[in-house]
Amino acid sequence: QVQLVESGGGLVNPGGSLRLSCVASGFNVSENGVAWYRQTPGDERRMIAGISSVGDVVRYADSVKGRFSISRDNATNTVYLQMNNVNADDTAVYYCFARYLIIPYWGQGTQVTVSS
């Protein structure tokens, strides 16, 4: 059974840092691409970072490029999103996503709120 479980969200000050985790089960993150999306009320879910299964190719949305970093730990089957220098526009629910055997899977989401 494929499952994605996010954690690490919370309240962070502008300019601060936060690291989100996505623990996968039912497939290996070393063999499957994983992405992070985020969504604010009234808006669609948008991809902000992704890491490929081959060659660790990463890509980022322009809005987070240079501030966020995606990585994975194959030993713990976890994908991370390191968020640095956050601002109010980063406030959202963050979701982990993977497509395994053509079926899309989402985590339950973790709330990130940037506020002083």
C-alpha atoms as a PDB file:
ATOM      1  CA  GLN A   1       0.000   0.000   0.000  1.00  0.00           C
ATOM      2  CA  VAL A   2       1.454   3.326  -1.089  1.00  0.00           C
ATOM      3  CA  GLN A   3       1.425   6.076   1.489  1.00  0.00           C
ATOM      4  CA  LEU A   4       3.029   9.501   1.825  1.00  0.00           C
ATOM      5  CA  VAL A   5       3.199  11.154   5.223  1.00  0.00           C
ATOM      6  CA  GLU A   6       4.359  14.753   5.577  1.00  0.00           C
ATOM      7  CA  SER A   7       5.600  16.398   8.732  1.00  0.00           C
ATOM      8  CA  GLY A   8       7.575  19.411   9.844  1.00  0.00           C
ATOM      9  CA  GLY A   9       5.126  22.206   9.197  1.00  0.00           C
ATOM     10  CA  GLY A  10       4.367  24.934  11.677  1.00  0.00           C
ATOM     11  CA  LEU A  11       4.745  28.613  12.435  1.00  0.00           C
ATOM     12  CA  VAL A  12       7.969  30.293  11.322  1.00  0.00           C
ATOM     13  CA  ASN A  13       9.143  33.894  11.353  1.00  0.00           C
ATOM     14  CA  PRO A  14       9.816  35.742   8.104  1.00  0.00           C
ATOM     15  CA  GLY A  15      13.390  35.080   7.099  1.00  0.00           C
ATOM     16  CA  GLY A  16      13.473  31.849   9.039  1.00  0.00           C
ATOM     17  CA  SER A  17      13.891  28.239   7.989  1.00  0.00           C
ATOM     18  CA  LEU A  18      11.872  25.076   8.144  1.00  0.00           C
ATOM     19  CA  ARG A  19      12.413  21.528   6.915  1.00  0.00           C
ATOM     20  CA  LEU A  20       9.519  19.404   5.755  1.00  0.00           C
ATOM     21  CA  SER A  21       9.711  15.624   5.566  1.00  0.00           C
ATOM     22  CA  CYS A  22       7.798  13.185   3.417  1.00  0.00           C
ATOM     23  CA  VAL A  23       8.102   9.561   4.448  1.00  0.00           C
ATOM     24  CA  ALA A  24       7.083   7.166   1.710  1.00  0.00           C
ATOM     25  CA  SER A  25       5.930   3.580   2.037  1.00  0.00           C
ATOM     26  CA  GLY A  26       4.934   1.059  -0.588  1.00  0.00           C
ATOM     27  CA  PHE A  27       7.584   2.180  -3.065  1.00  0.00           C
ATOM     28  CA  ASN A  28      11.205   3.316  -3.046  1.00  0.00           C
ATOM     29  CA  VAL A  29      11.941   7.017  -3.422  1.00  0.00           C
ATOM     30  CA  SER A  30      15.262   6.007  -4.965  1.00  0.00           C
ATOM     31  CA  GLU A  31      13.364   4.556  -7.924  1.00  0.00           C
ATOM     32  CA  ASN A  32      10.552   7.044  -8.249  1.00  0.00           C
ATOM     33  CA  GLY A  33      10.312  10.788  -8.701  1.00  0.00           C
ATOM     34  CA  VAL A  34       8.746  12.795  -5.871  1.00  0.00           C
ATOM     35  CA  ALA A  35       7.505  16.369  -5.805  1.00  0.00           C
ATOM     36  CA  TRP A  36       6.351  18.978  -3.337  1.00  0.00           C
ATOM     37  CA  TYR A  37       3.256  21.058  -4.015  1.00  0.00           C
ATOM     38  CA  ARG A  38       1.610  23.793  -2.054  1.00  0.00           C
ATOM     39  CA  GLN A  39      -1.856  25.255  -1.944  1.00  0.00           C
ATOM     40  CA  THR A  40      -3.434  28.369  -0.481  1.00  0.00           C
ATOM     41  CA  PRO A  41      -7.193  28.874   0.040  1.00  0.00           C
ATOM     42  CA  GLY A  42      -8.987  29.552  -3.222  1.00  0.00           C
ATOM     43  CA  ASP A  43      -5.990  28.658  -5.345  1.00  0.00           C
ATOM     44  CA  GLU A  44      -4.939  25.529  -7.172  1.00  0.00           C
ATOM     45  CA  ARG A  45      -2.267  23.185  -5.944  1.00  0.00           C
ATOM     46  CA  ARG A  46       1.061  24.161  -7.511  1.00  0.00           C
ATOM     47  CA  MET A  47       4.294  22.254  -7.808  1.00  0.00           C
ATOM     48  CA  ILE A  48       7.242  23.997  -6.206  1.00  0.00           C
ATOM     49  CA  ALA A  49       9.986  21.364  -6.226  1.00  0.00           C
ATOM     50  CA  GLY A  50      10.627  17.955  -7.717  1.00  0.00           C
ATOM     51  CA  ILE A  51      13.373  15.367  -7.737  1.00  0.00           C
ATOM     52  CA  SER A  52      13.730  12.719 -10.404  1.00  0.00           C
ATOM     53  CA  SER A  53      14.284   9.029  -9.914  1.00  0.00           C
ATOM     54  CA  VAL A  54      17.352   8.970 -12.133  1.00  0.00           C
ATOM     55  CA  GLY A  55      20.315  11.250 -11.723  1.00  0.00           C
ATOM     56  CA  ASP A  56      18.788  13.270  -8.881  1.00  0.00           C
ATOM     57  CA  VAL A  57      17.652  15.946 -11.286  1.00  0.00           C
ATOM     58  CA  VAL A  58      15.850  18.658  -9.365  1.00  0.00           C
ATOM     59  CA  ARG A  59      13.652  21.488 -10.499  1.00  0.00           C
ATOM     60  CA  TYR A  60      12.003  24.390  -8.730  1.00  0.00           C
ATOM     61  CA  ALA A  61       9.289  26.898  -9.286  1.00  0.00           C
ATOM     62  CA  ASP A  62      10.629  30.401  -9.826  1.00  0.00           C
ATOM     63  CA  SER A  63       8.937  31.524  -6.619  1.00  0.00           C
ATOM     64  CA  VAL A  64      11.181  29.313  -4.461  1.00  0.00           C
ATOM     65  CA  LYS A  65      14.327  28.983  -6.561  1.00  0.00           C
ATOM     66  CA  GLY A  66      17.419  29.819  -4.542  1.00  0.00           C
ATOM     67  CA  ARG A  67      15.567  29.526  -1.217  1.00  0.00           C
ATOM     68  CA  PHE A  68      14.145  25.993  -1.139  1.00  0.00           C
ATOM     69  CA  SER A  69      15.983  22.738  -1.652  1.00  0.00           C
ATOM     70  CA  ILE A  70      14.623  19.243  -2.260  1.00  0.00           C
ATOM     71  CA  SER A  71      16.585  16.143  -1.358  1.00  0.00           C
ATOM     72  CA  ARG A  72      16.039  12.526  -0.447  1.00  0.00           C
ATOM     73  CA  ASP A  73      17.405   9.943   1.934  1.00  0.00           C
ATOM     74  CA  ASN A  74      17.134   6.505   0.391  1.00  0.00           C
ATOM     75  CA  ALA A  75      17.969   4.777   3.676  1.00  0.00           C
ATOM     76  CA  THR A  76      14.860   6.163   5.371  1.00  0.00           C
ATOM     77  CA  ASN A  77      12.781   6.433   2.187  1.00  0.00           C
ATOM     78  CA  THR A  78      12.236  10.119   2.912  1.00  0.00           C
ATOM     79  CA  VAL A  79      12.129  13.215   0.735  1.00  0.00           C
ATOM     80  CA  TYR A  80      12.866  16.573   2.340  1.00  0.00           C
ATOM     81  CA  LEU A  81      12.048  20.155   1.497  1.00  0.00           C
ATOM     82  CA  GLN A  82      14.435  22.610   3.105  1.00  0.00           C
ATOM     83  CA  MET A  83      12.844  26.042   3.210  1.00  0.00           C
ATOM     84  CA  ASN A  84      15.113  29.031   3.844  1.00  0.00           C
ATOM     85  CA  ASN A  85      14.483  32.755   3.973  1.00  0.00           C
ATOM     86  CA  VAL A  86      10.740  32.226   4.013  1.00  0.00           C
ATOM     87  CA  ASN A  87       8.243  35.017   3.553  1.00  0.00           C
ATOM     88  CA  ALA A  88       4.495  35.493   3.947  1.00  0.00           C
ATOM     89  CA  ASP A  89       3.870  34.239   0.416  1.00  0.00           C
ATOM     90  CA  ASP A  90       5.171  30.832   1.475  1.00  0.00           C
ATOM     91  CA  THR A  91       2.226  30.377   3.826  1.00  0.00           C
ATOM     92  CA  ALA A  92       0.317  27.374   2.487  1.00  0.00           C
ATOM     93  CA  VAL A  93      -0.482  23.729   2.967  1.00  0.00           C
ATOM     94  CA  TYR A  94       2.405  21.684   1.591  1.00  0.00           C
ATOM     95  CA  TYR A  95       1.804  18.323  -0.026  1.00  0.00           C
ATOM     96  CA  CYS A  96       4.063  15.499  -1.053  1.00  0.00           C
ATOM     97  CA  PHE A  97       3.248  13.847  -4.392  1.00  0.00           C
ATOM     98  CA  ALA A  98       4.393  10.771  -6.270  1.00  0.00           C
ATOM     99  CA  ARG A  99       3.127   8.868  -9.264  1.00  0.00           C
ATOM    100  CA  TYR A 100       3.763   5.168  -8.837  1.00  0.00           C
ATOM    101  CA  LEU A 101       2.839   2.734 -11.598  1.00  0.00           C
ATOM    102  CA  ILE A 102       0.907   5.612 -13.236  1.00  0.00           C
ATOM    103  CA  ILE A 103      -1.279   6.111 -10.157  1.00  0.00           C
ATOM    104  CA  PRO A 104      -0.966   9.502  -8.414  1.00  0.00           C
ATOM    105  CA  TYR A 105      -0.585   9.619  -4.651  1.00  0.00           C
ATOM    106  CA  TRP A 106      -0.801  12.572  -2.281  1.00  0.00           C
ATOM    107  CA  GLY A 107       0.089  13.000   1.334  1.00  0.00           C
ATOM    108  CA  GLN A 108      -2.331  14.547   3.799  1.00  0.00           C
ATOM    109  CA  GLY A 109      -0.525  17.897   3.776  1.00  0.00           C
ATOM    110  CA  THR A 110       1.249  19.947   6.406  1.00  0.00           C
ATOM    111  CA  GLN A 111       0.484  23.582   7.180  1.00  0.00           C
ATOM    112  CA  VAL A 112       3.249  26.166   7.004  1.00  0.00           C
ATOM    113  CA  THR A 113       2.491  29.629   8.328  1.00  0.00           C
ATOM    114  CA  VAL A 114       4.989  32.460   7.982  1.00  0.00           C
ATOM    115  CA  SER A 115       4.251  35.229  10.432  1.00  0.00           C
ATOM    116  CA  SER A 116       5.929  37.347  13.073  1.00  0.00           C
END
